[in-house]
Amino acid sequence: MRIKNKLNRILIRIFDLTTSVVALLVILPVFAIIAAAIKLNDGGRVFFIQDRVGRGGRVFRMFKFRSMVEGAHRTGIFIHGETDSRITAVGGLLRKTALDELPQLINVLRGEMSIIGPRPALPDHLKEYSEWQMRRLEVNPGITGWAQINGRNSLSWPERIELDIWYIENRTPALDLKIILLTIPFLLRNEGVYAGREKFSFDSGEAERQPPPLETGQPSAPVHRSVVNQ
């Protein structure tokens, strides 16, 4: 089992490294266009860099294209995304299309993230994790993942963590391929881009779930009712 897990980690790293290098080379013009748009919008920094938690609880600096006005994250104010005046005109478009996440390919290249995995949590969130929820840190966080295609920000943190741990326990190349193929159509529907404050709390109630069978032959997965049946 240990040899199999080690082999899986090697294969995942090869996939991550290859994909991030190729993607960065291909979308370099897109990077340049987005960077120019952000600069022209308000003249501020192109990137938003924030501490996040990776595999084993290691803290790393995660990159995103800046989508809010400078210093917005230091206000301590929560405003529903759709009515948040701190989001710039360019930033609103970046969030809806998830293009603000593209710089995380740099984190993948550096080995801090994977293409697929749980979304990286803020360090403060670890204080709220139970022992079982700490299992979320057994793998590298990802740019997209099972929880992302099953609700994104419309899920509460406990719901996301449940989905993330299910993914970790059932991770296979076939499941990873399924997630990749479903990520783009999910983003095109603009689902789960914004959510109310309660979705970012660990006190959120558990929503009903249904366990539809996976085409990949994996055990039934928990899926939120408010999103597409995978």
Protein backbone atom coordinates (compact mmCIF):
# COMPACT_ATOMS: atom_id res chain seq x y z
CA MET A 1 0.00 0.00 0.00
CA ARG A 2 2.84 2.37 0.89
CA ILE A 3 4.55 1.65 -2.45
CA LYS A 4 1.28 2.22 -4.30
CA ASN A 5 0.71 5.55 -2.54
CA LYS A 6 4.25 6.65 -3.31
CA LEU A 7 3.80 5.72 -6.97
CA ASN A 8 0.53 7.65 -7.08
CA ARG A 9 2.23 10.74 -5.64
CA ILE A 10 4.99 10.48 -8.26
CA LEU A 11 2.47 10.14 -11.10
CA ILE A 12 0.42 13.06 -9.77
CA ARG A 13 3.55 15.22 -9.52
CA ILE A 14 4.54 14.36 -13.10
CA PHE A 15 1.05 15.27 -14.29
CA ASP A 16 1.02 18.51 -12.27
CA LEU A 17 4.47 19.55 -13.47
CA THR A 18 3.75 18.78 -17.13
CA THR A 19 0.32 20.41 -17.10
CA SER A 20 1.46 23.58 -15.32
CA VAL A 21 4.46 24.10 -17.62
CA VAL A 22 2.42 23.58 -20.80
CA ALA A 23 -0.50 25.68 -19.54
CA LEU A 24 1.72 28.58 -18.47
CA LEU A 25 3.42 28.62 -21.87
CA VAL A 26 0.11 28.45 -23.76
CA ILE A 27 -1.76 31.09 -21.73
CA LEU A 28 1.13 33.53 -21.31
CA PRO A 29 -0.62 36.01 -23.67
CA VAL A 30 -3.77 35.71 -21.51
CA PHE A 31 -1.67 36.50 -18.43
CA ALA A 32 -0.34 39.61 -20.13
CA ILE A 33 -3.81 40.80 -21.16
CA ILE A 34 -5.27 40.28 -17.67
CA ALA A 35 -2.29 41.99 -16.01
CA ALA A 36 -2.65 44.98 -18.33
CA ALA A 37 -6.42 45.17 -17.67
CA ILE A 38 -5.89 45.18 -13.89
CA LYS A 39 -3.26 47.91 -14.16
CA LEU A 40 -5.42 50.04 -16.45
CA ASN A 41 -8.43 49.58 -14.16
CA ASP A 42 -6.94 51.19 -11.03
CA GLY A 43 -3.15 51.15 -11.33
CA GLY A 44 -2.73 48.77 -8.38
CA ARG A 45 -0.85 45.51 -8.01
CA VAL A 46 -1.55 42.72 -10.46
CA PHE A 47 -1.36 39.86 -7.95
CA PHE A 48 -3.07 39.22 -4.66
CA ILE A 49 -0.79 37.03 -2.52
CA GLN A 50 -2.09 35.38 0.63
CA ASP A 51 -0.93 32.74 3.13
CA ARG A 52 -2.71 29.42 2.69
CA VAL A 53 -2.29 25.95 4.18
CA GLY A 54 -0.87 23.11 2.12
CA ARG A 55 -0.20 19.42 2.60
CA GLY A 56 0.77 18.51 6.14
CA GLY A 57 -0.23 21.96 7.43
CA ARG A 58 2.64 23.73 5.68
CA VAL A 59 1.87 27.40 5.01
CA PHE A 60 2.67 28.78 1.55
CA ARG A 61 2.03 31.98 -0.41
CA MET A 62 -0.83 31.52 -2.87
CA PHE A 63 -1.10 33.68 -5.99
CA LYS A 64 -4.27 35.12 -7.52
CA PHE A 65 -5.01 37.95 -9.90
CA ARG A 66 -6.23 40.83 -7.74
CA SER A 67 -9.99 41.27 -8.09
CA MET A 68 -10.66 43.81 -5.30
CA VAL A 69 -9.40 47.28 -4.50
CA GLU A 70 -6.06 47.48 -2.71
CA GLY A 71 -6.27 46.59 0.99
CA ALA A 72 -9.85 45.28 0.80
CA HIS A 73 -8.97 42.09 2.69
CA ARG A 74 -7.74 44.09 5.69
CA THR A 75 -11.09 45.80 6.35
CA GLY A 76 -12.53 42.79 8.16
CA ILE A 77 -15.88 43.57 6.52
CA PHE A 78 -17.95 40.90 4.78
CA ILE A 79 -20.20 42.05 1.96
CA HIS A 80 -22.11 39.68 -0.29
CA GLY A 81 -20.02 39.39 -3.45
CA GLU A 82 -22.69 40.49 -5.91
CA THR A 83 -23.09 43.82 -4.09
CA ASP A 84 -19.51 44.30 -2.90
CA SER A 85 -18.28 47.66 -4.18
CA ARG A 86 -14.71 46.65 -3.34
CA ILE A 87 -14.66 44.30 -6.33
CA THR A 88 -13.26 46.11 -9.36
CA ALA A 89 -14.88 46.04 -12.79
CA VAL A 90 -12.13 43.78 -14.10
CA GLY A 91 -12.21 41.73 -10.90
CA GLY A 92 -15.90 40.93 -11.27
CA LEU A 93 -15.27 39.39 -14.69
CA LEU A 94 -12.22 37.49 -13.42
CA ARG A 95 -14.22 35.97 -10.56
CA LYS A 96 -17.15 34.90 -12.73
CA THR A 97 -14.82 33.11 -15.14
CA ALA A 98 -12.39 31.90 -12.41
CA LEU A 99 -9.55 33.50 -14.38
CA ASP A 100 -8.36 35.07 -11.13
CA GLU A 101 -7.18 31.56 -10.13
CA LEU A 102 -4.81 31.12 -13.11
CA PRO A 103 -1.67 32.33 -11.25
CA GLN A 104 -2.00 29.28 -9.01
CA LEU A 105 -0.36 27.37 -11.85
CA ILE A 106 2.81 28.95 -10.43
CA ASN A 107 2.05 27.30 -7.08
CA VAL A 108 1.55 23.98 -8.88
CA LEU A 109 4.89 24.40 -10.64
CA ARG A 110 6.53 25.03 -7.27
CA GLY A 111 5.00 21.87 -5.80
CA GLU A 112 2.80 23.75 -3.29
CA MET A 113 -0.47 22.87 -5.04
CA SER A 114 -1.87 20.32 -7.48
CA ILE A 115 -4.19 20.74 -10.43
CA ILE A 116 -6.82 18.73 -8.52
CA GLY A 117 -7.35 18.65 -4.77
CA PRO A 118 -9.12 20.44 -1.91
CA ARG A 119 -9.05 24.22 -2.14
CA PRO A 120 -6.31 25.68 0.10
CA ALA A 121 -7.67 26.92 3.42
CA LEU A 122 -6.73 29.99 5.40
CA PRO A 123 -4.45 29.31 8.40
CA ASP A 124 -7.13 30.56 10.82
CA HIS A 125 -9.53 27.86 9.61
CA LEU A 126 -7.35 25.11 11.08
CA LYS A 127 -8.39 26.22 14.57
CA GLU A 128 -11.92 25.09 13.72
CA TYR A 129 -11.00 21.71 12.20
CA SER A 130 -11.86 18.52 14.04
CA GLU A 131 -9.36 15.65 14.02
CA TRP A 132 -11.30 14.04 11.18
CA GLN A 133 -11.38 17.27 9.16
CA MET A 134 -7.58 17.54 9.44
CA ARG A 135 -7.45 14.71 6.93
CA ARG A 136 -8.07 17.41 4.33
CA LEU A 137 -4.36 18.23 4.66
CA GLU A 138 -3.18 14.77 3.57
CA VAL A 139 -2.77 15.90 -0.05
CA ASN A 140 -1.71 19.06 -1.85
CA PRO A 141 -4.53 21.60 -2.24
CA GLY A 142 -5.78 22.01 -5.80
CA ILE A 143 -6.91 24.62 -8.30
CA THR A 144 -10.08 22.61 -8.85
CA GLY A 145 -11.56 19.62 -7.08
CA TRP A 146 -14.58 17.51 -6.20
CA ALA A 147 -16.05 20.16 -3.92
CA GLN A 148 -15.47 22.84 -6.56
CA ILE A 149 -17.60 21.11 -9.18
CA ASN A 150 -20.28 20.29 -6.60
CA GLY A 151 -21.14 23.78 -5.43
CA ARG A 152 -18.01 25.90 -4.99
CA ASN A 153 -18.85 28.79 -2.62
CA SER A 154 -22.51 27.80 -2.35
CA LEU A 155 -21.36 25.05 0.05
CA SER A 156 -20.60 25.63 3.71
CA TRP A 157 -17.09 24.80 4.92
CA PRO A 158 -18.22 21.58 6.68
CA GLU A 159 -19.89 20.49 3.43
CA ARG A 160 -16.77 21.25 1.39
CA ILE A 161 -14.54 19.38 3.80
CA GLU A 162 -16.81 16.33 3.69
CA LEU A 163 -16.56 16.28 -0.10
CA ASP A 164 -12.79 16.85 0.02
CA ILE A 165 -12.21 13.93 2.37
CA TRP A 166 -14.39 11.67 0.24
CA TYR A 167 -12.20 12.62 -2.73
CA ILE A 168 -9.00 11.85 -0.80
CA GLU A 169 -10.33 8.42 0.17
CA ASN A 170 -11.42 7.60 -3.40
CA ARG A 171 -8.77 9.36 -5.49
CA THR A 172 -8.07 7.68 -8.83
CA PRO A 173 -6.85 8.88 -12.27
CA ALA A 174 -10.37 8.25 -13.61
CA LEU A 175 -11.93 10.45 -10.93
CA ASP A 176 -9.34 13.18 -11.56
CA LEU A 177 -10.14 13.08 -15.27
CA LYS A 178 -13.86 13.36 -14.47
CA ILE A 179 -13.22 16.43 -12.33
CA ILE A 180 -11.13 18.08 -15.06
CA LEU A 181 -13.81 17.44 -17.69
CA LEU A 182 -16.59 18.80 -15.45
CA THR A 183 -14.75 21.91 -14.25
CA ILE A 184 -15.11 24.00 -17.42
CA PRO A 185 -18.88 23.45 -17.94
CA PHE A 186 -19.46 24.10 -14.23
CA LEU A 187 -17.60 27.43 -14.45
CA LEU A 188 -19.51 28.40 -17.59
CA ARG A 189 -22.76 28.15 -15.59
CA ASN A 190 -21.36 30.72 -13.12
CA GLU A 191 -22.59 28.67 -10.16
CA GLY A 192 -21.25 29.21 -6.65
CA VAL A 193 -19.25 32.35 -7.49
CA TYR A 194 -20.60 34.24 -4.46
CA ALA A 195 -22.18 33.12 -1.23
CA GLY A 196 -23.57 34.60 1.97
CA ARG A 197 -21.54 34.94 5.15
CA GLU A 198 -23.06 31.78 6.65
CA LYS A 199 -21.32 29.67 4.02
CA PHE A 200 -17.93 30.71 5.39
CA SER A 201 -18.75 29.65 8.93
CA PHE A 202 -18.11 26.28 10.58
CA ASP A 203 -21.46 26.66 12.34
CA SER A 204 -23.45 26.17 9.13
CA GLY A 205 -26.03 23.42 9.27
CA GLU A 206 -25.57 20.31 7.19
CA ALA A 207 -27.58 20.34 3.99
CA GLU A 208 -29.32 17.27 2.60
CA ARG A 209 -27.23 15.19 0.22
CA GLN A 210 -27.89 12.46 -2.30
CA PRO A 211 -25.35 9.81 -3.29
CA PRO A 212 -25.58 9.33 -7.09
CA PRO A 213 -23.41 6.55 -8.56
CA LEU A 214 -20.22 7.66 -10.29
CA GLU A 215 -19.57 6.72 -13.90
CA THR A 216 -15.99 5.93 -12.86
CA GLY A 217 -17.06 2.94 -10.77
CA GLN A 218 -16.12 4.67 -7.53
CA PRO A 219 -18.23 4.35 -4.34
CA SER A 220 -21.17 6.74 -4.10
CA ALA A 221 -20.07 10.30 -3.35
CA PRO A 222 -21.84 12.94 -1.25
CA VAL A 223 -23.21 15.64 -3.53
CA HIS A 224 -25.07 18.82 -2.59
CA ARG A 225 -28.69 18.87 -3.84
CA SER A 226 -28.53 22.45 -5.09
CA VAL A 227 -25.98 21.67 -7.79
CA VAL A 228 -25.84 19.45 -10.84
CA ASN A 229 -26.05 15.73 -10.22
CA GLN A 230 -22.58 14.46 -11.16
